[in-house]
Protein backbone atom coordinates (compact mmCIF):
# COMPACT_ATOMS: atom_id res chain seq x y z
CA MET A 1 90.81 76.40 62.79
CA SER A 2 89.35 78.36 65.69
CA PHE A 3 85.75 77.55 66.55
CA LEU A 4 84.89 81.25 66.75
CA LYS A 5 86.57 84.52 65.81
CA ALA A 6 85.18 87.93 66.69
CA GLU A 7 85.86 91.22 68.39
CA TRP A 8 84.82 91.86 71.99
CA ARG A 9 84.46 95.62 72.43
CA LYS A 10 83.64 98.09 75.22
CA LEU A 11 83.45 95.62 78.10
CA ALA A 12 81.63 97.16 81.06
CA ILE A 13 82.57 95.07 84.10
CA ALA A 14 81.10 95.32 87.62
CA ASN A 15 82.75 93.14 90.27
CA TYR A 16 80.99 91.94 93.43
CA ALA A 17 82.44 90.14 96.45
CA VAL A 18 80.40 87.06 97.39
CA ASP A 19 80.44 84.19 99.85
CA PRO A 20 82.22 81.33 98.02
CA VAL A 21 79.59 78.90 99.32
CA ILE A 22 76.97 80.17 96.87
CA LEU A 23 79.18 79.16 93.94
CA THR A 24 79.79 75.59 95.09
CA LYS A 25 77.25 73.94 92.80
CA TYR A 26 78.58 75.85 89.79
CA ILE A 27 82.28 74.92 90.13
CA PRO A 28 83.32 72.54 87.33
CA PRO A 29 85.01 69.33 88.49
CA LYS A 30 88.83 69.47 88.64
CA THR A 31 88.80 73.27 89.01
CA GLU A 32 88.87 75.38 92.15
CA LEU A 33 87.92 78.97 92.92
CA ASP A 34 90.48 81.62 91.97
CA LEU A 35 90.46 84.43 94.55
CA TRP A 36 91.77 87.99 94.44
CA ASN A 37 93.40 88.94 97.75
CA ASP A 38 91.31 86.27 99.50
CA THR A 39 88.12 87.70 97.99
CA CYS A 40 85.74 85.67 95.82
CA TYR A 41 84.40 87.74 92.94
CA VAL A 42 81.52 87.43 90.55
CA SER A 43 81.46 89.87 87.63
CA LEU A 44 78.61 91.28 85.62
CA VAL A 45 79.99 91.90 82.13
CA GLY A 46 78.31 93.63 79.20
CA PHE A 47 79.96 94.00 75.79
CA MET A 48 79.52 93.84 72.03
CA PHE A 49 80.36 90.92 69.76
CA LEU A 50 81.47 92.37 66.41
CA ASN A 51 82.47 90.76 63.09
CA THR A 52 81.69 87.29 64.40
CA LYS A 53 82.70 84.25 62.35
CA LEU A 54 81.92 80.63 63.17
CA LEU A 55 84.51 78.17 61.80
CA GLY A 56 85.77 80.98 59.59
CA LEU A 57 82.37 81.85 58.11
CA PRO A 58 80.24 84.91 58.85
CA ILE A 59 76.68 84.00 59.77
CA PRO A 60 74.02 86.34 58.31
CA PHE A 61 72.25 88.46 60.97
CA HIS A 62 74.54 87.05 63.68
CA ARG A 63 77.74 89.06 63.21
CA ASN A 64 77.14 91.97 65.60
CA PHE A 65 75.20 91.62 68.85
CA GLU A 66 75.20 92.37 72.57
CA GLU A 67 76.08 89.95 75.34
CA VAL A 68 75.75 90.30 79.11
CA ASN A 69 77.04 87.58 81.41
CA LEU A 70 77.53 86.82 85.08
CA ARG A 71 80.76 84.95 85.68
CA PHE A 72 83.21 83.89 88.36
CA TYR A 73 86.86 82.84 88.40
CA VAL A 74 88.52 79.45 88.72
CA LYS A 75 91.88 77.81 88.15
CA PHE A 76 92.86 74.36 86.93
CA ASN A 77 96.12 72.54 87.64
CA ASP A 78 97.06 70.98 84.30
CA ARG A 79 100.03 68.68 85.03
CA GLY A 80 101.67 71.19 87.34
CA LYS A 81 100.75 74.31 85.36
CA TRP A 82 97.96 76.55 86.65
CA LYS A 83 95.46 77.79 84.10
CA ARG A 84 93.23 80.69 85.12
CA GLY A 85 89.72 80.64 83.72
CA VAL A 86 86.13 81.79 84.02
CA VAL A 87 82.83 79.98 84.58
CA PHE A 88 79.62 81.52 83.29
CA ILE A 89 76.51 81.38 85.44
CA LYS A 90 74.43 82.76 82.58
CA GLU A 91 75.11 84.47 79.26
CA ILE A 92 72.38 86.62 77.73
CA VAL A 93 72.24 87.24 73.96
CA PRO A 94 69.54 88.58 71.62
CA ARG A 95 69.41 85.77 69.04
CA PRO A 96 67.98 82.24 69.62
CA ALA A 97 70.48 80.63 67.22
CA LEU A 98 73.38 81.84 69.36
CA THR A 99 71.80 80.29 72.42
CA PHE A 100 71.22 77.00 70.64
CA VAL A 101 74.78 76.66 69.31
CA ALA A 102 76.50 77.63 72.58
CA ASN A 103 74.30 75.47 74.79
CA THR A 104 74.45 72.47 72.46
CA ILE A 105 78.14 72.46 71.56
CA TYR A 106 79.77 74.05 74.61
CA LYS A 107 77.18 73.12 77.25
CA GLU A 108 77.05 76.74 78.31
CA HIS A 109 74.12 78.54 79.93
CA TYR A 110 72.90 80.99 77.32
CA GLN A 111 69.46 82.59 77.37
CA THR A 112 67.82 84.71 74.68
CA MET A 113 66.38 88.09 75.68
CA LYS A 114 65.59 91.38 73.99
CA MET A 115 68.73 93.51 74.25
CA SER A 116 70.02 96.99 73.43
CA HIS A 117 73.19 99.03 73.74
CA LEU A 118 74.36 102.63 73.68
CA TRP A 119 77.82 103.94 72.87
CA GLN A 120 77.95 107.72 73.11
CA THR A 121 80.70 110.33 73.35
CA VAL A 122 79.99 113.46 75.38
CA ALA A 123 82.82 116.01 75.48
CA SER A 124 85.88 114.02 76.60
CA ASN A 125 83.89 111.17 78.15
CA GLN A 126 82.11 108.11 76.82
CA ILE A 127 78.87 106.46 77.89
CA VAL A 128 78.58 102.70 77.47
CA ARG A 129 75.28 101.04 78.31
CA TYR A 130 73.88 97.54 77.83
CA GLY A 131 70.24 96.67 78.50
CA TRP A 132 68.09 93.55 78.48
CA SER A 133 64.51 92.73 79.41
CA LEU A 134 63.00 89.70 81.15
CA ASN A 135 59.27 89.28 81.73
CA GLY A 136 58.74 92.97 81.07
CA ASN A 137 61.40 94.09 83.55
CA GLU A 138 64.24 96.22 82.19
CA ASN A 139 67.81 95.61 83.39
CA SER A 140 70.93 97.59 82.53
CA ILE A 141 74.56 98.28 83.24
CA GLU A 142 75.91 101.72 82.36
CA VAL A 143 79.40 103.13 82.70
CA ILE A 144 80.65 106.66 82.13
CA ALA A 145 84.41 106.81 81.57
CA ASN A 146 87.02 109.05 80.04
CA SER A 147 88.21 108.45 76.51
CA GLU A 148 91.93 108.02 77.13
CA PRO A 149 92.97 104.33 77.13
CA GLN A 150 95.42 103.18 79.78
CA ASP A 151 97.62 100.11 80.14
CA ILE A 152 96.63 97.60 82.80
CA ASN A 153 99.05 97.56 85.72
CA LYS A 154 100.74 94.27 86.47
CA GLY A 155 99.52 92.63 89.66
CA SER A 156 96.40 94.79 89.78
CA GLU A 157 92.79 93.82 90.38
CA THR A 158 92.05 94.85 86.78
CA GLU A 159 94.69 92.40 85.54
CA PHE A 160 93.12 89.63 87.63
CA ILE A 161 89.66 90.28 86.20
CA THR A 162 90.70 90.60 82.54
CA GLU A 163 93.58 88.14 82.25
CA HIS A 164 91.73 84.81 82.40
CA TYR A 165 92.30 82.95 79.15
CA TRP A 166 90.36 79.73 79.68
CA GLY A 167 86.70 78.85 79.94
CA TYR A 168 85.39 75.95 82.02
CA THR A 169 81.96 74.35 81.95
CA LYS A 170 80.53 71.71 84.25
CA ALA A 171 79.54 68.72 82.08
CA ASN A 172 78.47 66.55 85.03
CA ASN A 173 79.62 65.87 88.59
CA ARG A 174 82.90 64.30 87.43
CA THR A 175 83.73 65.94 84.11
CA SER A 176 84.36 69.44 82.78
CA PHE A 177 84.87 71.01 79.38
CA GLU A 178 87.79 73.37 78.80
CA TYR A 179 88.31 75.82 75.97
CA GLU A 180 90.91 78.50 75.35
CA VAL A 181 90.13 82.15 74.68
CA THR A 182 92.93 84.13 73.03
CA HIS A 183 93.36 87.89 72.90
CA PRO A 184 96.09 90.47 73.46
CA ARG A 185 96.39 92.36 76.71
CA TRP A 186 93.61 94.94 76.84
CA GLU A 187 93.58 98.64 77.57
CA VAL A 188 91.10 100.18 80.02
CA TYR A 189 89.48 103.54 80.65
CA GLN A 190 89.12 105.37 83.96
CA VAL A 191 85.54 104.99 85.17
CA ILE A 192 83.88 108.19 86.43
CA GLU A 193 80.35 106.99 87.18
CA HIS A 194 78.28 103.84 86.92
CA ASN A 195 74.63 102.89 87.17
CA ILE A 196 73.51 99.28 87.55
CA ASN A 197 69.83 98.40 87.51
CA VAL A 198 69.55 94.61 87.63
CA ASP A 199 67.11 92.25 89.32
CA PHE A 200 69.80 89.65 90.01
CA GLY A 201 67.38 87.25 91.66
CA GLN A 202 65.03 87.15 88.68
CA VAL A 203 67.78 87.02 86.05
CA TYR A 204 70.34 84.75 87.72
CA GLY A 205 68.60 82.93 90.58
CA THR A 206 67.65 83.60 94.18
CA GLU A 207 71.15 82.91 95.52
CA PHE A 208 72.30 86.09 93.73
CA SER A 209 69.35 88.30 94.71
CA MET A 210 71.42 90.11 97.38
CA LEU A 211 73.56 91.69 94.63
CA SER A 212 70.64 93.95 93.68
CA LYS A 213 71.13 95.78 96.99
CA GLU A 214 74.93 95.79 97.00
CA SER A 215 77.37 98.18 95.40
CA PRO A 216 80.12 96.57 93.31
CA LYS A 217 83.61 96.56 94.79
CA SER A 218 84.94 97.91 91.48
CA VAL A 219 83.72 98.88 88.02
CA MET A 220 85.87 98.77 84.89
CA LEU A 221 85.62 99.60 81.20
CA ALA A 222 87.95 97.69 78.89
CA GLU A 223 88.36 98.47 75.21
CA GLY A 224 88.62 94.82 74.19
CA SER A 225 90.11 93.41 71.00
CA GLU A 226 89.90 90.65 68.45
CA ILE A 227 89.47 87.28 70.16
CA THR A 228 89.29 83.59 69.30
CA VAL A 229 87.48 80.78 71.06
CA GLU A 230 89.16 77.44 70.43
CA ASN A 231 87.59 74.00 70.29
CA LYS A 232 86.68 72.43 73.62
CA ARG A 233 88.24 69.40 75.27
CA ARG A 234 87.01 67.16 78.08
CA ILE A 235 88.95 67.12 81.34
């Protein structure tokens, strides 16, 4: 039985190029950075968890909620087969119980904050916005996109960002945890405008503060789908 089943919907994704050196301390043992055209990316991702079930059971008041995370991309050579995965620097959710379960069982880096979201259709476009507050400071990621879903082109940057099906967490300096995330290939929408208001230094640490002044290299909006998160294993 899958550890978690849910839907991930309306994923607003902003991708920033960074110096790989700043990610060194976050790289789980036995993995290495996965680059796109020799560029190291971190991604700010906001989305909705919907219809969430833990070990097959819905948890009251914890079925539908926002999440915003900052992540980067790694790969792991598993007996000659490369697995492409993500590492989360921090995952923000609105409920303390979610933080407790994820940090305790998966050794992730969740933090509880007050959150909000907006999904709105205006004419033929859609507005998707996720917000969160820390110490009285409001942060947000907003995307305006059209409403016509498109297939993801093979070999594209969008495929690289969305087609990572493994999660890796640094357990200690010699050991990592690995878990599989399953979902079908997603569809995306053409982004028209975006607005990102984030104090990266306050939310994610001083090494990421420069992102507050930088424009993302690309911004995407993916429709998402049903997903599963499988049980972890030690590597």
